[in-house]
Structure formats: C-alpha cells, structure tokens
Amino acid sequence: MKLTTIIGAAALGLAFGAQGARAQEDIVIAVAGPITGQLATIGDQFKTGAQAAADAINAAGGVNGRQIKLSIQDDVCDPKQAVSVANRIVAEGIKFIDGHACSGSSIPASAVYAEAGVLMMSPASSNPVLTDAAAESGWPTIMRLYTRDDAQGAFIGPWIAEKYKDKNVVILHDKSAYGQGVADAVKATMNTSGLNEVMYEGINAGDKDYSALVTKMKELKADVVYFGGYHPEAGLILRQSAEQGFKFQLIMPDSIASPEFWQVAGPAGEGTMFVFPSDPQSKPEAKEAVEKIKASGFVPEGFTLFSYAVVQAVAQGIERAGTDDPMKVAEALKNGEPISTVVGQITFDEKGDIKDATYDINQWHDGQYAPIKP
C-alpha cells in the first residue's frame, strides 16, 4: 500500500473518530408522542416546545459545554406502538425521554425505560398509576412534569358539585387510561361533595356516530356533561347534540387546549369549559420563550411549554448531578430544591410528581379560550 494511501486512510479514520467523539458528547433526548394520527397536534406541541428549549440551551453554551440533540419518536398514542418505540429508544442508547403523551402509552412504556435505567419524564400524562406504580416497583427514573388526575379531580369535582348542585350531571369517558382515569377522579370528588351523576358511561373512541348517546342524554335532561377524553370525540358529540337541538354545558380535562377542538366542534363548542394547569404562557418565566415560539408562527398552547420544561429539567438535572447517569440525574431532581422552568419553579416529590400544582378553568368562545373566574 502506498504511503499516501496509508496517510489518507489514517486521516479518514481520525475524522470519523472525531465525529464519533463529538456525537458522543451530545446529550440526546427522545421526544416521544403522537407525531401522526388523530392527536398529532399534541405531537406538534411536544416537538415545538422541546426544540425551542434545546435551541435556547444550546445557544447559551449547552449543558456543561455539551449540546442537546433531539430524536423524534412517534407512538401515535397507541400502547403497543409506545412499547416498540421505548425499546427502540433504549436500543439506540438514548438516556432521556421527553414523553410520552397519553397515559395509556406512558404507563406500559415506563416499564421498558425503568428496566433499562433511563429517565422518562412525561409533560402530559396525568394518570396517577404512572408514578404510583413506579414508586411501588422501585423505579426512580419514571417522572412527570405535569399534574395528576386525582389533583385535577380534587379541584374540579367539588366545584361542579357546588355550581350545579340542582342539575342533572352526566359523566362520560373514552375507556382510555387517561380519559377514564380523570373521569373517575372527578366522579369521586363530586360524589363526596354531595352530587351524584344521573349517568356514567364509557364511549368508543374513534366512533363517528354518537346520536344514540345524545338521545339518551337528552332523555335524561342532562344539564352538564363531564367528558374524560379527547377533542375528536368531544367535537362530534357537541355537533350531533346541536343537530338534535340539545344543549348542555360540556366540561372537560386538559386535552382540548388545542385549536383542533374548535375545528371539529365549530359553533357547537361555544361555552365549553376545561381544566388546565394555570396558564404557563402568562408566567414571566415564559415571556421570552413564548415570544420566540410565536415569532416562528406557532402558538405555544397546550403541552408546548411543558415539553419545553422537561428539556430544561433534564439539563438542570445533569448539571446538578455532575453526570448524565439517569439514576443520579433523577436523584438530583428529587432532592427538594426547585428547578427553574418556563412553567415556573418546579419541585419534585419522592415519586417524581410535581408539588403544589394550580389550575384554571378555561372557556371556549368564538374559536379561542381563556381562563374564567370560578
């Protein structure tokens, strides 16, 4: 072999080695959620928030000099696909996950992450089982930077019981871990506060015809409907109710903080209420991030800023722990000291849940929503 060829091969090897070293220095965070499918708007929120956070952190010098890179993973909010995605993430050697979105995906995926000892932090999953089961199983790397259904139920259930104490209330859910979980939490606290529902029923997500359900609620003279589910079904139920000349007050959890709700419901969605953590866009800590995201043509509503905050939490956890070992990062994040995020100062409890969550009741009007006074 000629000397020039040997030198060239060595130089090429060194170049590839340098590229590998640089790649190794990156902190890779997987963003896992419904990138496609009916709930793709949530995936858009996840991606936009995470990328904005990574860009801001990288522009400020990164995490101990290391850059953050994202790996976008699509689970379509399907439990089986979520497990496949989780196994792929682990196989790729990724140590940190910003996700998943739907509780039905997060719960089964969490077992994969826990076994691999990687850190999963959901910016949207609210079913208590996620962190309760992790705590019972001794899985320290399963966390959530979002609120729990039982906390949301404790907030809105008594309010419904007081405000609608002489009304006929129906409780519906879509049979998912998220939808039924939050509906059951609201039902429990509403019942404890002295108001019982006239109907409790699960619907089949993905159906297109809810006319029989609407007729049943109409016969019961329902005044208020609490629905644990997502915007496609909520919008259809409202539209089909309007077609029957039937009007009721719809109250939902956080899933309809998306313009797609109005696109499905149209004018039938007027007055719909939903519970959401106190508006992160209005927090002073979020001002710069909100302005930059809006300048890109995206409105950072829904779970956008919570996904942003997960990336911030991972970065601060690594800095606090002095290592990117997920176990040590999780331990550092749970040490009782708050971390600074776009959704405010966050403190995690021993289970990996956030402490002292607060809520707003929002109402849709003419295609937009805003907090109202309870």
Foldseek 3Di string as FASTA:
>chain_A
DDPVVVVVVVVVVVVVVVVVVLVVLEQEEEEEEACDDPQNVVVVLLVLLAVLLQVVQVVVQHQVNHGYDYHYHHQNLAQVSLLVRLVVCVVVVHQHYADDAELSNQQNSVVSNQVSQGAYEYLHYAAPCQLVVCVVVVRLRGAYLFYHLLVVLLPVLLVCCVVQVPFAEEEEAAPGSQFVRNSVSVQVNNVVNPHHHPYYYYDHPPDQDCLVVLVVCVVVVHAEYETRDALQVVLSSLQSNVVVVHAHAYEYELRHFDLVSCVSNPPSQAFHKYKGFDDLCPDPLQPVVQVVSVVVVDHSIRSNQSSNQSSQLLSVLCNQQVHNSSVSSSVSQQPQAWGQGSSGTWHAHSSNYTPDIHMFMWTDHPSHIDGDDD
